[in-house]
C-alpha atoms as a PDB file:
ATOM      1  CA  MET A   1      67.301  -8.653  45.523  1.00  0.00           C
ATOM      2  CA  SER A   2      66.983  -8.473  41.734  1.00  0.00           C
ATOM      3  CA  GLU A   3      69.336  -6.067  39.965  1.00  0.00           C
ATOM      4  CA  TYR A   4      67.594  -6.386  36.601  1.00  0.00           C
ATOM      5  CA  ALA A   5      64.578  -4.565  35.177  1.00  0.00           C
ATOM      6  CA  ALA A   6      62.999  -4.363  31.744  1.00  0.00           C
ATOM      7  CA  LEU A   7      61.460  -1.260  30.179  1.00  0.00           C
ATOM      8  CA  THR A   8      59.840  -3.019  27.234  1.00  0.00           C
ATOM      9  CA  ILE A   9      58.379  -1.135  24.276  1.00  0.00           C
ATOM     10  CA  ASP A  10      55.188  -2.128  22.490  1.00  0.00           C
ATOM     11  CA  VAL A  11      56.075  -0.638  19.113  1.00  0.00           C
ATOM     12  CA  GLU A  12      52.734   0.425  17.677  1.00  0.00           C
ATOM     13  CA  LEU A  13      51.441   3.630  16.123  1.00  0.00           C
ATOM     14  CA  PHE A  14      48.592   5.683  17.570  1.00  0.00           C
ATOM     15  CA  SER A  15      46.471   4.741  14.547  1.00  0.00           C
ATOM     16  CA  GLN A  16      46.890   1.032  15.448  1.00  0.00           C
ATOM     17  CA  THR A  17      45.558   1.319  18.990  1.00  0.00           C
ATOM     18  CA  PRO A  18      42.124  -0.153  19.809  1.00  0.00           C
ATOM     19  CA  ALA A  19      41.048   3.247  21.150  1.00  0.00           C
ATOM     20  CA  TYR A  20      41.753   4.998  17.853  1.00  0.00           C
ATOM     21  CA  ARG A  21      40.246   2.243  15.722  1.00  0.00           C
ATOM     22  CA  ALA A  22      37.024   2.411  17.750  1.00  0.00           C
ATOM     23  CA  ALA A  23      36.830   6.214  17.698  1.00  0.00           C
ATOM     24  CA  SER A  24      34.271   8.140  15.696  1.00  0.00           C
ATOM     25  CA  GLY A  25      36.815  10.765  14.659  1.00  0.00           C
ATOM     26  CA  SER A  26      40.152  10.555  12.882  1.00  0.00           C
ATOM     27  CA  THR A  27      43.365  12.473  12.210  1.00  0.00           C
ATOM     28  CA  ASP A  28      45.305  13.109   9.030  1.00  0.00           C
ATOM     29  CA  ARG A  29      48.627  12.923  10.874  1.00  0.00           C
ATOM     30  CA  ALA A  30      50.580   9.848   9.795  1.00  0.00           C
ATOM     31  CA  GLY A  31      53.149   7.850  11.761  1.00  0.00           C
ATOM     32  CA  ILE A  32      52.129   9.140  15.191  1.00  0.00           C
ATOM     33  CA  GLY A  33      54.564   7.503  17.577  1.00  0.00           C
ATOM     34  CA  LEU A  34      57.694   7.287  15.427  1.00  0.00           C
ATOM     35  CA  ASP A  35      59.167  10.384  17.093  1.00  0.00           C
ATOM     36  CA  GLY A  36      58.441   8.820  20.471  1.00  0.00           C
ATOM     37  CA  LEU A  37      60.270   5.674  19.426  1.00  0.00           C
ATOM     38  CA  ALA A  38      63.305   7.748  18.435  1.00  0.00           C
ATOM     39  CA  PHE A  39      63.218   9.407  21.860  1.00  0.00           C
ATOM     40  CA  LEU A  40      63.086   6.025  23.609  1.00  0.00           C
ATOM     41  CA  LYS A  41      65.950   4.657  21.529  1.00  0.00           C
ATOM     42  CA  ASP A  42      68.119   7.676  22.414  1.00  0.00           C
ATOM     43  CA  SER A  43      67.145   7.548  26.098  1.00  0.00           C
ATOM     44  CA  LEU A  44      68.039   3.858  26.361  1.00  0.00           C
ATOM     45  CA  GLU A  45      71.384   4.511  24.709  1.00  0.00           C
ATOM     46  CA  ASP A  46      72.111   7.377  27.127  1.00  0.00           C
ATOM     47  CA  ALA A  47      71.290   5.052  30.056  1.00  0.00           C
ATOM     48  CA  ASN A  48      73.443   2.226  28.653  1.00  0.00           C
ATOM     49  CA  ALA A  49      70.281   0.111  28.633  1.00  0.00           C
ATOM     50  CA  THR A  50      68.855  -2.484  26.292  1.00  0.00           C
ATOM     51  CA  THR A  51      65.307  -3.732  26.033  1.00  0.00           C
ATOM     52  CA  THR A  52      62.803  -5.872  24.151  1.00  0.00           C
ATOM     53  CA  CYS A  53      60.772  -4.145  21.457  1.00  0.00           C
ATOM     54  CA  PHE A  54      57.512  -5.951  20.687  1.00  0.00           C
ATOM     55  CA  VAL A  55      56.904  -4.695  17.166  1.00  0.00           C
ATOM     56  CA  VAL A  56      53.693  -4.624  15.147  1.00  0.00           C
ATOM     57  CA  SER A  57      55.242  -5.986  11.989  1.00  0.00           C
ATOM     58  CA  GLU A  58      53.196  -3.821   9.610  1.00  0.00           C
ATOM     59  CA  ILE A  59      55.587  -1.099  10.814  1.00  0.00           C
ATOM     60  CA  ALA A  60      58.525  -3.225   9.680  1.00  0.00           C
ATOM     61  CA  GLU A  61      57.046  -3.160   6.180  1.00  0.00           C
ATOM     62  CA  THR A  62      56.330   0.575   6.084  1.00  0.00           C
ATOM     63  CA  HIS A  63      59.362   1.724   8.115  1.00  0.00           C
ATOM     64  CA  PRO A  64      61.947  -1.078   7.815  1.00  0.00           C
ATOM     65  CA  GLU A  65      64.959   1.094   8.652  1.00  0.00           C
ATOM     66  CA  THR A  66      63.326   2.242  11.878  1.00  0.00           C
ATOM     67  CA  VAL A  67      62.788  -1.341  13.037  1.00  0.00           C
ATOM     68  CA  ARG A  68      66.190  -2.470  11.784  1.00  0.00           C
ATOM     69  CA  SER A  69      67.871   0.338  13.726  1.00  0.00           C
ATOM     70  CA  LEU A  70      66.426  -1.017  16.986  1.00  0.00           C
ATOM     71  CA  SER A  71      68.074  -4.373  16.370  1.00  0.00           C
ATOM     72  CA  VAL A  72      71.358  -2.768  15.315  1.00  0.00           C
ATOM     73  CA  ALA A  73      71.336  -0.807  18.595  1.00  0.00           C
ATOM     74  CA  GLY A  74      71.306  -4.110  20.508  1.00  0.00           C
ATOM     75  CA  HIS A  75      67.635  -4.347  21.407  1.00  0.00           C
ATOM     76  CA  GLU A  76      65.765  -7.635  21.218  1.00  0.00           C
ATOM     77  CA  ILE A  77      62.991  -7.713  18.630  1.00  0.00           C
ATOM     78  CA  GLY A  78      59.779  -9.476  19.642  1.00  0.00           C
ATOM     79  CA  SER A  79      56.383  -9.751  17.971  1.00  0.00           C
ATOM     80  CA  HIS A  80      53.278  -7.704  18.747  1.00  0.00           C
ATOM     81  CA  THR A  81      51.299  -9.378  15.918  1.00  0.00           C
ATOM     82  CA  TYR A  82      51.141  -8.249  12.312  1.00  0.00           C
ATOM     83  CA  THR A  83      48.202  -5.791  12.461  1.00  0.00           C
ATOM     84  CA  HIS A  84      47.638  -5.211  16.218  1.00  0.00           C
ATOM     85  CA  ARG A  85      44.081  -6.507  16.109  1.00  0.00           C
ATOM     86  CA  LEU A  86      42.770  -8.046  19.338  1.00  0.00           C
ATOM     87  CA  LEU A  87      43.392 -11.776  19.087  1.00  0.00           C
ATOM     88  CA  THR A  88      40.070 -12.785  20.646  1.00  0.00           C
ATOM     89  CA  ASP A  89      38.261 -10.869  17.885  1.00  0.00           C
ATOM     90  CA  LEU A  90      39.786 -13.271  15.344  1.00  0.00           C
ATOM     91  CA  GLU A  91      39.139 -16.854  14.328  1.00  0.00           C
ATOM     92  CA  PRO A  92      41.832 -19.411  15.340  1.00  0.00           C
ATOM     93  CA  GLY A  93      43.246 -19.494  11.817  1.00  0.00           C
ATOM     94  CA  GLU A  94      43.469 -15.703  11.708  1.00  0.00           C
ATOM     95  CA  ARG A  95      45.193 -15.616  15.101  1.00  0.00           C
ATOM     96  CA  TYR A  96      47.781 -18.119  13.911  1.00  0.00           C
ATOM     97  CA  GLU A  97      48.354 -16.120  10.726  1.00  0.00           C
ATOM     98  CA  GLU A  98      48.999 -12.993  12.827  1.00  0.00           C
ATOM     99  CA  LEU A  99      51.695 -14.877  14.766  1.00  0.00           C
ATOM    100  CA  VAL A 100      53.394 -16.473  11.772  1.00  0.00           C
ATOM    101  CA  ARG A 101      53.316 -13.478   9.443  1.00  0.00           C
ATOM    102  CA  SER A 102      54.610 -11.161  12.149  1.00  0.00           C
ATOM    103  CA  LYS A 103      57.519 -13.433  13.063  1.00  0.00           C
ATOM    104  CA  GLU A 104      58.511 -13.980   9.442  1.00  0.00           C
ATOM    105  CA  THR A 105      58.315 -10.270   8.612  1.00  0.00           C
ATOM    106  CA  LEU A 106      60.386  -9.180  11.615  1.00  0.00           C
ATOM    107  CA  GLU A 107      63.041 -11.837  11.069  1.00  0.00           C
ATOM    108  CA  ALA A 108      63.343 -10.909   7.396  1.00  0.00           C
ATOM    109  CA  THR A 109      63.620  -7.220   8.270  1.00  0.00           C
ATOM    110  CA  THR A 110      66.179  -7.491  11.076  1.00  0.00           C
ATOM    111  CA  GLY A 111      68.044 -10.704  10.294  1.00  0.00           C
ATOM    112  CA  THR A 112      67.533 -11.836  13.897  1.00  0.00           C
ATOM    113  CA  THR A 113      65.537 -14.660  15.468  1.00  0.00           C
ATOM    114  CA  VAL A 114      62.249 -13.586  17.056  1.00  0.00           C
ATOM    115  CA  GLU A 115      61.593 -15.573  20.223  1.00  0.00           C
ATOM    116  CA  GLY A 116      59.214 -13.393  22.234  1.00  0.00           C
ATOM    117  CA  PHE A 117      55.593 -12.381  21.790  1.00  0.00           C
ATOM    118  CA  ARG A 118      53.177 -10.001  23.495  1.00  0.00           C
ATOM    119  CA  ALA A 119      49.493  -9.890  22.589  1.00  0.00           C
ATOM    120  CA  PRO A 120      47.824  -6.530  21.858  1.00  0.00           C
ATOM    121  CA  ALA A 121      46.126  -5.296  25.062  1.00  0.00           C
ATOM    122  CA  PHE A 122      47.321  -8.534  26.763  1.00  0.00           C
ATOM    123  CA  ASP A 123      44.364 -10.243  25.085  1.00  0.00           C
ATOM    124  CA  PHE A 124      44.684 -13.867  23.981  1.00  0.00           C
ATOM    125  CA  GLY A 125      42.542 -16.946  23.438  1.00  0.00           C
ATOM    126  CA  PRO A 126      42.518 -20.497  24.848  1.00  0.00           C
ATOM    127  CA  ASP A 127      44.749 -21.884  22.076  1.00  0.00           C
ATOM    128  CA  HIS A 128      47.366 -19.192  22.595  1.00  0.00           C
ATOM    129  CA  PHE A 129      50.388 -21.132  23.868  1.00  0.00           C
ATOM    130  CA  HIS A 130      49.865 -23.980  21.401  1.00  0.00           C
ATOM    131  CA  ALA A 131      49.739 -21.477  18.547  1.00  0.00           C
ATOM    132  CA  LEU A 132      52.907 -19.775  19.785  1.00  0.00           C
ATOM    133  CA  ALA A 133      54.770 -23.074  19.918  1.00  0.00           C
ATOM    134  CA  ALA A 134      53.561 -24.062  16.455  1.00  0.00           C
ATOM    135  CA  ALA A 135      54.696 -20.703  15.080  1.00  0.00           C
ATOM    136  CA  GLY A 136      58.169 -21.147  16.589  1.00  0.00           C
ATOM    137  CA  TYR A 137      58.140 -18.726  19.518  1.00  0.00           C
ATOM    138  CA  GLY A 138      59.929 -19.462  22.800  1.00  0.00           C
ATOM    139  CA  TYR A 139      58.300 -17.157  25.338  1.00  0.00           C
ATOM    140  CA  ASP A 140      55.205 -15.067  25.923  1.00  0.00           C
ATOM    141  CA  ALA A 141      54.847 -11.717  27.718  1.00  0.00           C
ATOM    142  CA  SER A 142      51.056 -11.397  27.545  1.00  0.00           C
ATOM    143  CA  VAL A 143      50.216 -12.183  31.190  1.00  0.00           C
ATOM    144  CA  VAL A 144      49.444  -9.477  33.754  1.00  0.00           C
ATOM    145  CA  ALA A 145      48.645 -10.656  37.311  1.00  0.00           C
ATOM    146  CA  SER A 146      46.421  -7.640  37.880  1.00  0.00           C
ATOM    147  CA  ARG A 147      43.182  -7.418  39.797  1.00  0.00           C
ATOM    148  CA  THR A 148      40.081  -7.231  37.605  1.00  0.00           C
ATOM    149  CA  ILE A 149      39.878  -3.824  35.919  1.00  0.00           C
ATOM    150  CA  PRO A 150      36.573  -3.110  34.127  1.00  0.00           C
ATOM    151  CA  GLY A 151      37.283  -2.112  30.542  1.00  0.00           C
ATOM    152  CA  PHE A 152      40.899  -3.266  30.746  1.00  0.00           C
ATOM    153  CA  TYR A 153      42.085  -6.744  31.731  1.00  0.00           C
ATOM    154  CA  GLY A 154      42.951  -8.691  34.850  1.00  0.00           C
ATOM    155  CA  GLY A 155      41.636 -11.121  37.403  1.00  0.00           C
ATOM    156  CA  GLU A 156      42.641 -14.330  35.628  1.00  0.00           C
ATOM    157  CA  TYR A 157      46.256 -14.864  36.655  1.00  0.00           C
ATOM    158  CA  ARG A 158      48.527 -14.795  39.699  1.00  0.00           C
ATOM    159  CA  LEU A 159      51.927 -15.428  38.143  1.00  0.00           C
ATOM    160  CA  GLN A 160      54.676 -13.052  39.311  1.00  0.00           C
ATOM    161  CA  HIS A 161      57.901 -14.832  38.268  1.00  0.00           C
ATOM    162  CA  PRO A 162      58.967 -16.174  34.874  1.00  0.00           C
ATOM    163  CA  ALA A 163      57.709 -19.754  34.698  1.00  0.00           C
ATOM    164  CA  PRO A 164      56.675 -22.447  32.223  1.00  0.00           C
ATOM    165  CA  ALA A 165      53.425 -21.557  30.479  1.00  0.00           C
ATOM    166  CA  THR A 166      51.871 -24.587  32.196  1.00  0.00           C
ATOM    167  CA  HIS A 167      51.477 -22.296  35.235  1.00  0.00           C
ATOM    168  CA  ILE A 168      48.867 -20.477  33.127  1.00  0.00           C
ATOM    169  CA  ASP A 169      47.493 -23.354  31.065  1.00  0.00           C
ATOM    170  CA  PRO A 170      48.258 -26.906  32.246  1.00  0.00           C
ATOM    171  CA  THR A 171      47.975 -28.123  28.646  1.00  0.00           C
ATOM    172  CA  ALA A 172      50.523 -25.608  27.305  1.00  0.00           C
ATOM    173  CA  PRO A 173      53.564 -26.975  25.454  1.00  0.00           C
ATOM    174  CA  ASP A 174      56.709 -27.364  27.536  1.00  0.00           C
ATOM    175  CA  SER A 175      58.628 -25.196  25.067  1.00  0.00           C
ATOM    176  CA  ILE A 176      56.866 -21.944  26.019  1.00  0.00           C
ATOM    177  CA  THR A 177      57.874 -19.788  28.990  1.00  0.00           C
ATOM    178  CA  ALA A 178      55.631 -17.052  30.397  1.00  0.00           C
ATOM    179  CA  ILE A 179      57.189 -13.846  31.723  1.00  0.00           C
ATOM    180  CA  PRO A 180      54.533 -11.653  33.368  1.00  0.00           C
ATOM    181  CA  THR A 181      54.300  -7.892  33.189  1.00  0.00           C
ATOM    182  CA  SER A 182      54.652  -6.415  36.671  1.00  0.00           C
ATOM    183  CA  VAL A 183      51.967  -5.204  39.066  1.00  0.00           C
ATOM    184  CA  MET A 184      52.227  -3.408  42.405  1.00  0.00           C
ATOM    185  CA  PRO A 185      52.417  -5.929  45.283  1.00  0.00           C
ATOM    186  CA  GLY A 186      49.245  -5.825  47.384  1.00  0.00           C
ATOM    187  CA  PHE A 187      47.632  -3.115  45.240  1.00  0.00           C
ATOM    188  CA  ARG A 188      47.772  -5.393  42.175  1.00  0.00           C
ATOM    189  CA  LEU A 189      47.552  -2.759  39.468  1.00  0.00           C
ATOM    190  CA  PRO A 190      50.116  -2.526  36.643  1.00  0.00           C
ATOM    191  CA  LEU A 191      53.174  -0.381  37.218  1.00  0.00           C
ATOM    192  CA  THR A 192      53.195   1.201  33.766  1.00  0.00           C
ATOM    193  CA  GLY A 193      50.922   1.956  30.829  1.00  0.00           C
ATOM    194  CA  PHE A 194      48.001   4.144  31.901  1.00  0.00           C
ATOM    195  CA  TRP A 195      48.747   3.441  35.572  1.00  0.00           C
ATOM    196  CA  LEU A 196      52.106   5.192  35.428  1.00  0.00           C
ATOM    197  CA  ARG A 197      50.396   8.252  33.966  1.00  0.00           C
ATOM    198  CA  LEU A 198      47.533   8.087  36.489  1.00  0.00           C
ATOM    199  CA  PHE A 199      49.455   7.496  39.740  1.00  0.00           C
ATOM    200  CA  GLY A 200      52.758   9.162  38.857  1.00  0.00           C
ATOM    201  CA  VAL A 201      56.333   8.065  38.413  1.00  0.00           C
ATOM    202  CA  ARG A 202      57.013   7.593  42.148  1.00  0.00           C
ATOM    203  CA  TYR A 203      54.302   4.917  42.195  1.00  0.00           C
ATOM    204  CA  THR A 204      56.141   2.993  39.485  1.00  0.00           C
ATOM    205  CA  ILE A 205      59.558   3.389  41.080  1.00  0.00           C
ATOM    206  CA  LEU A 206      58.228   2.250  44.462  1.00  0.00           C
ATOM    207  CA  GLY A 207      56.704  -0.848  42.858  1.00  0.00           C
ATOM    208  CA  MET A 208      59.996  -1.635  41.130  1.00  0.00           C
ATOM    209  CA  LYS A 209      61.845  -1.484  44.430  1.00  0.00           C
ATOM    210  CA  LEU A 210      59.297  -3.657  46.237  1.00  0.00           C
ATOM    211  CA  LEU A 211      59.498  -6.296  43.507  1.00  0.00           C
ATOM    212  CA  ALA A 212      63.298  -6.215  43.481  1.00  0.00           C
ATOM    213  CA  ARG A 213      63.351  -6.921  47.234  1.00  0.00           C
ATOM    214  CA  ARG A 214      61.338 -10.069  46.474  1.00  0.00           C
ATOM    215  CA  GLY A 215      63.864 -11.151  43.852  1.00  0.00           C
ATOM    216  CA  ILE A 216      61.540 -10.264  40.961  1.00  0.00           C
ATOM    217  CA  ALA A 217      62.911  -8.319  38.000  1.00  0.00           C
ATOM    218  CA  PRO A 218      60.325  -5.588  37.275  1.00  0.00           C
ATOM    219  CA  VAL A 219      58.883  -5.796  33.757  1.00  0.00           C
ATOM    220  CA  LEU A 220      57.439  -2.490  32.553  1.00  0.00           C
ATOM    221  CA  TYR A 221      55.921  -1.510  29.214  1.00  0.00           C
ATOM    222  CA  VAL A 222      55.429   1.721  27.296  1.00  0.00           C
ATOM    223  CA  HIS A 223      54.137   2.731  23.853  1.00  0.00           C
ATOM    224  CA  PRO A 224      55.963   5.173  21.537  1.00  0.00           C
ATOM    225  CA  TRP A 225      52.799   7.243  20.976  1.00  0.00           C
ATOM    226  CA  GLU A 226      52.722   8.032  24.708  1.00  0.00           C
ATOM    227  CA  PHE A 227      55.821  10.222  24.197  1.00  0.00           C
ATOM    228  CA  VAL A 228      54.417  12.616  21.598  1.00  0.00           C
ATOM    229  CA  ASP A 229      51.748  15.310  21.602  1.00  0.00           C
ATOM    230  CA  LEU A 230      48.623  13.466  20.504  1.00  0.00           C
ATOM    231  CA  PRO A 231      45.876  15.052  18.404  1.00  0.00           C
ATOM    232  CA  ASP A 232      42.369  15.484  19.746  1.00  0.00           C
ATOM    233  CA  VAL A 233      40.311  12.758  18.109  1.00  0.00           C
ATOM    234  CA  GLU A 234      36.595  12.491  18.804  1.00  0.00           C
ATOM    235  CA  GLY A 235      35.814   9.229  20.576  1.00  0.00           C
ATOM    236  CA  VAL A 236      39.306   8.576  21.957  1.00  0.00           C
ATOM    237  CA  PRO A 237      38.962   8.417  25.768  1.00  0.00           C
ATOM    238  CA  ARG A 238      40.760  11.037  27.833  1.00  0.00           C
ATOM    239  CA  ARG A 239      42.653   8.313  29.706  1.00  0.00           C
ATOM    240  CA  VAL A 240      44.498   7.502  26.451  1.00  0.00           C
ATOM    241  CA  THR A 241      45.908  11.014  26.030  1.00  0.00           C
ATOM    242  CA  PHE A 242      46.310  11.928  29.726  1.00  0.00           C
ATOM    243  CA  ARG A 243      49.894  12.923  30.612  1.00  0.00           C
ATOM    244  CA  THR A 244      51.362  11.950  27.263  1.00  0.00           C
ATOM    245  CA  GLY A 245      54.167  13.841  25.542  1.00  0.00           C
ATOM    246  CA  VAL A 246      56.608  15.794  27.709  1.00  0.00           C
ATOM    247  CA  TRP A 247      55.293  14.345  30.989  1.00  0.00           C
ATOM    248  CA  MET A 248      56.028  10.794  29.861  1.00  0.00           C
ATOM    249  CA  ARG A 249      59.465  11.739  28.562  1.00  0.00           C
ATOM    250  CA  ARG A 250      60.423  13.089  31.963  1.00  0.00           C
ATOM    251  CA  ALA A 251      58.917  10.064  33.716  1.00  0.00           C
ATOM    252  CA  VAL A 252      60.909   7.554  31.694  1.00  0.00           C
ATOM    253  CA  GLU A 253      64.109   9.502  32.205  1.00  0.00           C
ATOM    254  CA  ARG A 254      63.542   9.200  35.966  1.00  0.00           C
ATOM    255  CA  ILE A 255      62.820   5.478  35.685  1.00  0.00           C
ATOM    256  CA  LEU A 256      65.980   4.841  33.658  1.00  0.00           C
ATOM    257  CA  ASP A 257      67.942   6.790  36.269  1.00  0.00           C
ATOM    258  CA  GLN A 258      67.072   4.196  38.949  1.00  0.00           C
ATOM    259  CA  PRO A 259      69.777   1.730  40.138  1.00  0.00           C
ATOM    260  CA  PHE A 260      68.710  -1.164  37.912  1.00  0.00           C
ATOM    261  CA  ALA A 261      70.409  -2.870  34.988  1.00  0.00           C
ATOM    262  CA  PHE A 262      67.781  -2.417  32.280  1.00  0.00           C
ATOM    263  CA  ARG A 263      68.018  -5.407  29.963  1.00  0.00           C
ATOM    264  CA  SER A 264      65.983  -7.360  27.413  1.00  0.00           C
ATOM    265  CA  LEU A 265      63.520 -10.042  28.448  1.00  0.00           C
ATOM    266  CA  ARG A 266      65.696 -12.615  26.701  1.00  0.00           C
ATOM    267  CA  ARG A 267      68.581 -11.639  29.005  1.00  0.00           C
ATOM    268  CA  ILE A 268      66.373 -11.715  32.105  1.00  0.00           C
ATOM    269  CA  LEU A 269      64.996 -15.121  31.172  1.00  0.00           C
ATOM    270  CA  ALA A 270      68.491 -16.473  30.600  1.00  0.00           C
ATOM    271  CA  ASP A 271      69.403 -15.592  34.192  1.00  0.00           C
ATOM    272  CA  ALA A 272      66.066 -16.533  35.777  1.00  0.00           C
ATOM    273  CA  ASP A 273      65.260 -19.625  37.816  1.00  0.00           C
ATOM    274  CA  ILE A 274      62.394 -20.960  35.718  1.00  0.00           C
ATOM    275  CA  ARG A 275      60.323 -23.032  38.096  1.00  0.00           C
ATOM    276  CA  THR A 276      58.247 -26.008  37.048  1.00  0.00           C
ATOM    277  CA  GLY A 277      54.933 -27.216  38.353  1.00  0.00           C
ATOM    278  CA  SER A 278      51.205 -26.712  38.003  1.00  0.00           C
ATOM    279  CA  MET A 279      49.307 -23.463  37.530  1.00  0.00           C
ATOM    280  CA  THR A 280      48.947 -23.100  41.306  1.00  0.00           C
ATOM    281  CA  PRO A 281      51.194 -20.238  42.496  1.00  0.00           C
ATOM    282  CA  THR A 282      54.090 -20.994  44.799  1.00  0.00           C
ATOM    283  CA  ASP A 283      54.047 -19.716  48.367  1.00  0.00           C
ATOM    284  CA  SER A 284      56.306 -16.804  47.471  1.00  0.00           C
ATOM    285  CA  GLU A 285      53.990 -15.787  44.622  1.00  0.00           C
ATOM    286  CA  GLU A 286      51.009 -15.795  46.968  1.00  0.00           C
ATOM    287  CA  THR A 287      52.951 -13.584  49.366  1.00  0.00           C
ATOM    288  CA  ASP A 288      53.889 -11.192  46.561  1.00  0.00           C
ATOM    289  CA  LEU A 289      50.265 -10.832  45.544  1.00  0.00           C
ATOM    290  CA  ASP A 290      48.615 -10.739  48.943  1.00  0.00           C
ATOM    291  CA  ASP A 291      50.940  -8.309  50.705  1.00  0.00           C
ATOM    292  CA  ARG A 292      48.460  -5.813  52.155  1.00  0.00           C
ATOM    293  CA  SER A 293      50.964  -3.034  52.715  1.00  0.00           C
ATOM    294  CA  THR A 294      49.642   0.281  51.440  1.00  0.00           C
ATOM    295  CA  ILE A 295      51.353   2.750  49.160  1.00  0.00           C
ATOM    296  CA  PRO A 296      52.507   5.846  51.068  1.00  0.00           C
ATOM    297  CA  ASP A 297      50.734   8.960  49.792  1.00  0.00           C
ATOM    298  CA  SER A 298      54.097  10.627  49.246  1.00  0.00           C
ATOM    299  CA  GLU A 299      55.153   7.823  46.892  1.00  0.00           C
ATOM    300  CA  ALA A 300      52.020   7.700  44.744  1.00  0.00           C
ATOM    301  CA  GLN A 301      52.519  10.921  42.796  1.00  0.00           C
END
């Protein structure tokens, strides 16, 4: 049974989300999400927990002390690109520039080495792992072994454990490790993000326990803007604002109260058994994904 879990933070502002950028309306409120990040930082400290913060590095330029304080508090700093644009919307040269500029900016701001990367909306192109290696990264957290979700992501991958990136792309450089974001066994939907807010905190906690019994450290993710009261912006879907603010604050407090050691992805990877081989899942990964057990109604709220 795994004793570790990761409550990772995709450090982005509401104005940097794809939903806001595509909306017809706008808001004059600036820095929406910074208060949520302060709440998360305090909550992690109260729980004696550390994490990985995947930071959009534009924020490191506009709010350097905020980003620096995360590193000083003992949290790993990873990259979430420079501008939070979807990588597949960019040309290969632009994608590479997003990786390099983000890494350089975050390292200059915090004085730490940035090893990890997560793509905005888990969206990346065919040259992804080669670009990461060329830019000097060591691991990627952009894979979600979810079922296909129209309008979201999913359907491409089956990886459940940290493994060499060759499990995703056989041509990937040996230097890159992939650590997937967790999904519910059998149900195969993510445990956090919108799915935490849709199904409820007991859904997420149940999934964490089921994964831990399989020896998998649950990897969750949240966004700082989910922890504040969001403005009504025309064109932003209701699913983006549903159960944000106080509801999410209470949910994360319950998650951090579970009997896990919440640590950074770098720490989890250091203790993991990184298996080699082709992109074909191992028998245990197939079992994790194809478990047809249902979620009790009492646990899904």
